[in-house]
């Protein structure tokens, strides 16, 4: 008869760390928000030398080095992910108001107030509102039908 040797993952050694629990009980590990050694060293370096490094980047950009100029411009004025809507939309109280709002979006697109991407995004918001309203209406109708079915069942009994 042969003895079964358990695989390493089944080892019963109390010292082997379990994935997700590498610390002994009662030891929570490094506190949240604390920085590792490399991050602290980089911050210390930048604190001492950061101003000189930035000055060198600016000087190289002024000399006409396009890479440094692009790097500085990307850091000083990053690309915006969106902008606030500069037009007033009609108030939407229910699904019936959405076509009026979409007409306002179309007008903004026609007169150049909105880009096609912005118009598409705002219209998608309206479509989401219409879907939520439609779903809500179906839930209300379903609740009424269920109540009627229960009432009919109670009358049969």
C-alpha atoms as a PDB file:
ATOM      1  CA  UNK A   1       0.000   0.000   0.000  1.00  0.00           C
ATOM      2  CA  UNK A   2       1.366   3.434  -0.950  1.00  0.00           C
ATOM      3  CA  UNK A   3       1.101   6.502   1.204  1.00  0.00           C
ATOM      4  CA  UNK A   4      -0.420   9.613  -0.266  1.00  0.00           C
ATOM      5  CA  UNK A   5       1.880  12.637  -0.119  1.00  0.00           C
ATOM      6  CA  UNK A   6      -0.151  15.854   0.027  1.00  0.00           C
ATOM      7  CA  UNK A   7       0.655  18.534  -2.558  1.00  0.00           C
ATOM      8  CA  UNK A   8       2.363  21.682  -1.298  1.00  0.00           C
ATOM      9  CA  UNK A   9      -0.872  23.677  -1.360  1.00  0.00           C
ATOM     10  CA  UNK A  10      -2.349  21.281   1.194  1.00  0.00           C
ATOM     11  CA  UNK A  11       0.603  21.546   3.568  1.00  0.00           C
ATOM     12  CA  UNK A  12      -0.442  22.013   7.132  1.00  0.00           C
ATOM     13  CA  UNK A  13       2.528  24.177   8.095  1.00  0.00           C
ATOM     14  CA  UNK A  14       1.259  26.963  10.392  1.00  0.00           C
ATOM     15  CA  UNK A  15       3.965  29.350   9.166  1.00  0.00           C
ATOM     16  CA  UNK A  16       3.031  29.243   5.444  1.00  0.00           C
ATOM     17  CA  UNK A  17       1.160  32.419   4.484  1.00  0.00           C
ATOM     18  CA  UNK A  18      -2.278  32.009   2.974  1.00  0.00           C
ATOM     19  CA  UNK A  19      -2.970  34.181  -0.053  1.00  0.00           C
ATOM     20  CA  UNK A  20      -4.641  37.362   1.124  1.00  0.00           C
ATOM     21  CA  UNK A  21      -3.519  36.821   4.737  1.00  0.00           C
ATOM     22  CA  UNK A  22       0.268  37.222   4.813  1.00  0.00           C
ATOM     23  CA  UNK A  23       0.400  38.636   8.352  1.00  0.00           C
ATOM     24  CA  UNK A  24       0.175  36.936  11.691  1.00  0.00           C
ATOM     25  CA  UNK A  25      -3.136  37.413  13.532  1.00  0.00           C
ATOM     26  CA  UNK A  26      -3.188  40.815  15.186  1.00  0.00           C
ATOM     27  CA  UNK A  27      -0.692  42.318  12.706  1.00  0.00           C
ATOM     28  CA  UNK A  28      -2.641  44.433  10.209  1.00  0.00           C
ATOM     29  CA  UNK A  29       0.408  45.209   8.044  1.00  0.00           C
ATOM     30  CA  UNK A  30       1.346  48.617   6.741  1.00  0.00           C
ATOM     31  CA  UNK A  31      -1.178  51.340   7.656  1.00  0.00           C
ATOM     32  CA  UNK A  32      -3.441  52.609   4.891  1.00  0.00           C
ATOM     33  CA  UNK A  33      -2.059  55.645   3.110  1.00  0.00           C
ATOM     34  CA  UNK A  34       1.520  55.039   4.183  1.00  0.00           C
ATOM     35  CA  UNK A  35       4.069  55.318   1.400  1.00  0.00           C
ATOM     36  CA  UNK A  36       6.600  52.702   0.409  1.00  0.00           C
ATOM     37  CA  UNK A  37      10.326  53.362   0.510  1.00  0.00           C
ATOM     38  CA  UNK A  38      10.704  54.119  -3.216  1.00  0.00           C
ATOM     39  CA  UNK A  39       7.910  56.706  -3.148  1.00  0.00           C
ATOM     40  CA  UNK A  40       9.433  58.409  -0.112  1.00  0.00           C
ATOM     41  CA  UNK A  41      12.843  58.533  -1.821  1.00  0.00           C
ATOM     42  CA  UNK A  42      11.385  60.062  -5.010  1.00  0.00           C
ATOM     43  CA  UNK A  43       9.474  62.660  -2.992  1.00  0.00           C
ATOM     44  CA  UNK A  44      12.608  63.522  -1.032  1.00  0.00           C
ATOM     45  CA  UNK A  45      14.596  63.849  -4.277  1.00  0.00           C
ATOM     46  CA  UNK A  46      11.950  66.104  -5.822  1.00  0.00           C
ATOM     47  CA  UNK A  47      11.784  68.187  -2.665  1.00  0.00           C
ATOM     48  CA  UNK A  48      15.527  68.858  -2.891  1.00  0.00           C
ATOM     49  CA  UNK A  49      16.083  68.898  -6.662  1.00  0.00           C
ATOM     50  CA  UNK A  50      12.623  69.355  -8.191  1.00  0.00           C
ATOM     51  CA  UNK A  51      12.907  73.091  -8.760  1.00  0.00           C
ATOM     52  CA  UNK A  52      16.216  72.690 -10.621  1.00  0.00           C
ATOM     53  CA  UNK A  53      14.794  69.892 -12.784  1.00  0.00           C
ATOM     54  CA  UNK A  54      11.740  71.940 -13.733  1.00  0.00           C
ATOM     55  CA  UNK A  55      13.969  74.937 -14.501  1.00  0.00           C
ATOM     56  CA  UNK A  56      16.080  72.750 -16.842  1.00  0.00           C
ATOM     57  CA  UNK A  57      12.915  71.526 -18.605  1.00  0.00           C
ATOM     58  CA  UNK A  58      11.763  75.118 -19.107  1.00  0.00           C
ATOM     59  CA  UNK A  59      15.190  76.178 -20.392  1.00  0.00           C
ATOM     60  CA  UNK A  60      15.293  73.267 -22.875  1.00  0.00           C
ATOM     61  CA  UNK A  61      11.773  74.106 -24.052  1.00  0.00           C
ATOM     62  CA  UNK A  62      12.757  77.765 -24.538  1.00  0.00           C
ATOM     63  CA  UNK A  63      15.759  76.621 -26.589  1.00  0.00           C
ATOM     64  CA  UNK A  64      13.298  75.011 -28.993  1.00  0.00           C
ATOM     65  CA  UNK A  65      13.400  71.353 -27.947  1.00  0.00           C
ATOM     66  CA  UNK A  66       9.901  70.229 -28.938  1.00  0.00           C
ATOM     67  CA  UNK A  67       9.903  67.158 -26.654  1.00  0.00           C
ATOM     68  CA  UNK A  68      10.379  69.274 -23.562  1.00  0.00           C
ATOM     69  CA  UNK A  69       7.822  71.806 -24.783  1.00  0.00           C
ATOM     70  CA  UNK A  70       5.228  69.070 -25.363  1.00  0.00           C
ATOM     71  CA  UNK A  71       5.981  67.527 -21.978  1.00  0.00           C
ATOM     72  CA  UNK A  72       5.538  70.860 -20.202  1.00  0.00           C
ATOM     73  CA  UNK A  73       2.345  71.698 -22.100  1.00  0.00           C
ATOM     74  CA  UNK A  74       0.850  68.291 -21.302  1.00  0.00           C
ATOM     75  CA  UNK A  75       1.539  68.896 -17.606  1.00  0.00           C
ATOM     76  CA  UNK A  76       0.512  72.545 -17.509  1.00  0.00           C
ATOM     77  CA  UNK A  77      -2.685  72.218 -19.541  1.00  0.00           C
ATOM     78  CA  UNK A  78      -3.842  68.589 -19.752  1.00  0.00           C
ATOM     79  CA  UNK A  79      -6.538  67.594 -22.219  1.00  0.00           C
ATOM     80  CA  UNK A  80      -9.997  68.123 -20.794  1.00  0.00           C
ATOM     81  CA  UNK A  81     -12.244  65.123 -20.585  1.00  0.00           C
ATOM     82  CA  UNK A  82     -15.365  67.193 -21.083  1.00  0.00           C
ATOM     83  CA  UNK A  83     -16.858  70.594 -20.501  1.00  0.00           C
ATOM     84  CA  UNK A  84     -19.959  72.011 -18.955  1.00  0.00           C
ATOM     85  CA  UNK A  85     -22.932  72.477 -21.209  1.00  0.00           C
ATOM     86  CA  UNK A  86     -23.170  76.145 -22.160  1.00  0.00           C
ATOM     87  CA  UNK A  87     -26.797  76.068 -23.229  1.00  0.00           C
ATOM     88  CA  UNK A  88     -29.978  76.007 -21.205  1.00  0.00           C
ATOM     89  CA  UNK A  89     -32.051  72.864 -21.681  1.00  0.00           C
ATOM     90  CA  UNK A  90     -35.779  72.715 -21.040  1.00  0.00           C
ATOM     91  CA  UNK A  91     -36.842  71.154 -17.742  1.00  0.00           C
ATOM     92  CA  UNK A  92     -37.633  67.444 -17.983  1.00  0.00           C
ATOM     93  CA  UNK A  93     -40.479  66.349 -15.720  1.00  0.00           C
ATOM     94  CA  UNK A  94     -41.455  63.186 -17.562  1.00  0.00           C
ATOM     95  CA  UNK A  95     -40.773  61.251 -20.732  1.00  0.00           C
ATOM     96  CA  UNK A  96     -43.000  63.604 -22.732  1.00  0.00           C
ATOM     97  CA  UNK A  97     -40.484  66.431 -22.188  1.00  0.00           C
ATOM     98  CA  UNK A  98     -37.566  64.515 -23.703  1.00  0.00           C
ATOM     99  CA  UNK A  99     -38.394  65.234 -27.394  1.00  0.00           C
ATOM    100  CA  UNK A 100     -38.351  68.980 -26.625  1.00  0.00           C
ATOM    101  CA  UNK A 101     -34.956  68.614 -24.942  1.00  0.00           C
ATOM    102  CA  UNK A 102     -33.609  66.623 -27.887  1.00  0.00           C
ATOM    103  CA  UNK A 103     -34.876  69.356 -30.228  1.00  0.00           C
ATOM    104  CA  UNK A 104     -32.888  71.889 -28.148  1.00  0.00           C
ATOM    105  CA  UNK A 105     -29.808  69.655 -28.480  1.00  0.00           C
ATOM    106  CA  UNK A 106     -30.344  69.530 -32.248  1.00  0.00           C
ATOM    107  CA  UNK A 107     -30.563  73.337 -32.349  1.00  0.00           C
ATOM    108  CA  UNK A 108     -27.301  73.553 -30.365  1.00  0.00           C
ATOM    109  CA  UNK A 109     -25.686  71.161 -32.811  1.00  0.00           C
ATOM    110  CA  UNK A 110     -26.944  73.191 -35.774  1.00  0.00           C
ATOM    111  CA  UNK A 111     -25.723  76.544 -34.464  1.00  0.00           C
ATOM    112  CA  UNK A 112     -22.328  75.199 -33.357  1.00  0.00           C
ATOM    113  CA  UNK A 113     -22.891  75.501 -29.600  1.00  0.00           C
ATOM    114  CA  UNK A 114     -22.403  71.744 -29.252  1.00  0.00           C
ATOM    115  CA  UNK A 115     -20.071  69.338 -31.005  1.00  0.00           C
ATOM    116  CA  UNK A 116     -21.532  66.128 -32.450  1.00  0.00           C
ATOM    117  CA  UNK A 117     -19.836  64.144 -29.634  1.00  0.00           C
ATOM    118  CA  UNK A 118     -21.385  66.363 -26.955  1.00  0.00           C
ATOM    119  CA  UNK A 119     -24.811  66.162 -28.567  1.00  0.00           C
ATOM    120  CA  UNK A 120     -24.498  62.384 -28.721  1.00  0.00           C
ATOM    121  CA  UNK A 121     -23.531  62.151 -25.050  1.00  0.00           C
ATOM    122  CA  UNK A 122     -26.380  64.384 -23.866  1.00  0.00           C
ATOM    123  CA  UNK A 123     -28.855  62.520 -26.051  1.00  0.00           C
ATOM    124  CA  UNK A 124     -27.625  59.250 -24.495  1.00  0.00           C
ATOM    125  CA  UNK A 125     -28.464  60.689 -21.065  1.00  0.00           C
ATOM    126  CA  UNK A 126     -31.980  61.447 -22.284  1.00  0.00           C
ATOM    127  CA  UNK A 127     -32.321  57.939 -23.684  1.00  0.00           C
ATOM    128  CA  UNK A 128     -31.280  56.558 -20.289  1.00  0.00           C
ATOM    129  CA  UNK A 129     -33.901  58.719 -18.581  1.00  0.00           C
ATOM    130  CA  UNK A 130     -36.550  57.486 -21.021  1.00  0.00           C
ATOM    131  CA  UNK A 131     -35.553  53.865 -20.359  1.00  0.00           C
ATOM    132  CA  UNK A 132     -35.715  54.342 -16.590  1.00  0.00           C
ATOM    133  CA  UNK A 133     -39.127  55.950 -16.910  1.00  0.00           C
ATOM    134  CA  UNK A 134     -40.340  53.134 -19.175  1.00  0.00           C
ATOM    135  CA  UNK A 135     -39.023  50.495 -16.746  1.00  0.00           C
ATOM    136  CA  UNK A 136     -40.703  52.272 -13.843  1.00  0.00           C
ATOM    137  CA  UNK A 137     -43.995  52.383 -15.714  1.00  0.00           C
ATOM    138  CA  UNK A 138     -43.750  48.629 -16.404  1.00  0.00           C
ATOM    139  CA  UNK A 139     -43.075  47.914 -12.707  1.00  0.00           C
ATOM    140  CA  UNK A 140     -46.096  49.990 -11.667  1.00  0.00           C
ATOM    141  CA  UNK A 141     -48.312  48.203 -14.191  1.00  0.00           C
ATOM    142  CA  UNK A 142     -46.961  44.814 -13.095  1.00  0.00           C
ATOM    143  CA  UNK A 143     -47.687  45.647  -9.442  1.00  0.00           C
ATOM    144  CA  UNK A 144     -51.276  46.561 -10.378  1.00  0.00           C
ATOM    145  CA  UNK A 145     -51.734  43.308 -12.306  1.00  0.00           C
ATOM    146  CA  UNK A 146     -50.314  41.277  -9.402  1.00  0.00           C
ATOM    147  CA  UNK A 147     -52.649  43.051  -6.993  1.00  0.00           C
ATOM    148  CA  UNK A 148     -55.610  42.265  -9.248  1.00  0.00           C
ATOM    149  CA  UNK A 149     -54.553  38.616  -9.509  1.00  0.00           C
ATOM    150  CA  UNK A 150     -54.308  38.336  -5.712  1.00  0.00           C
ATOM    151  CA  UNK A 151     -57.703  39.975  -5.337  1.00  0.00           C
ATOM    152  CA  UNK A 152     -59.233  37.541  -7.832  1.00  0.00           C
ATOM    153  CA  UNK A 153     -57.605  34.584  -6.056  1.00  0.00           C
ATOM    154  CA  UNK A 154     -58.963  35.748  -2.692  1.00  0.00           C
ATOM    155  CA  UNK A 155     -62.464  36.036  -4.188  1.00  0.00           C
ATOM    156  CA  UNK A 156     -62.274  32.430  -5.478  1.00  0.00           C
ATOM    157  CA  UNK A 157     -61.435  31.129  -2.023  1.00  0.00           C
END
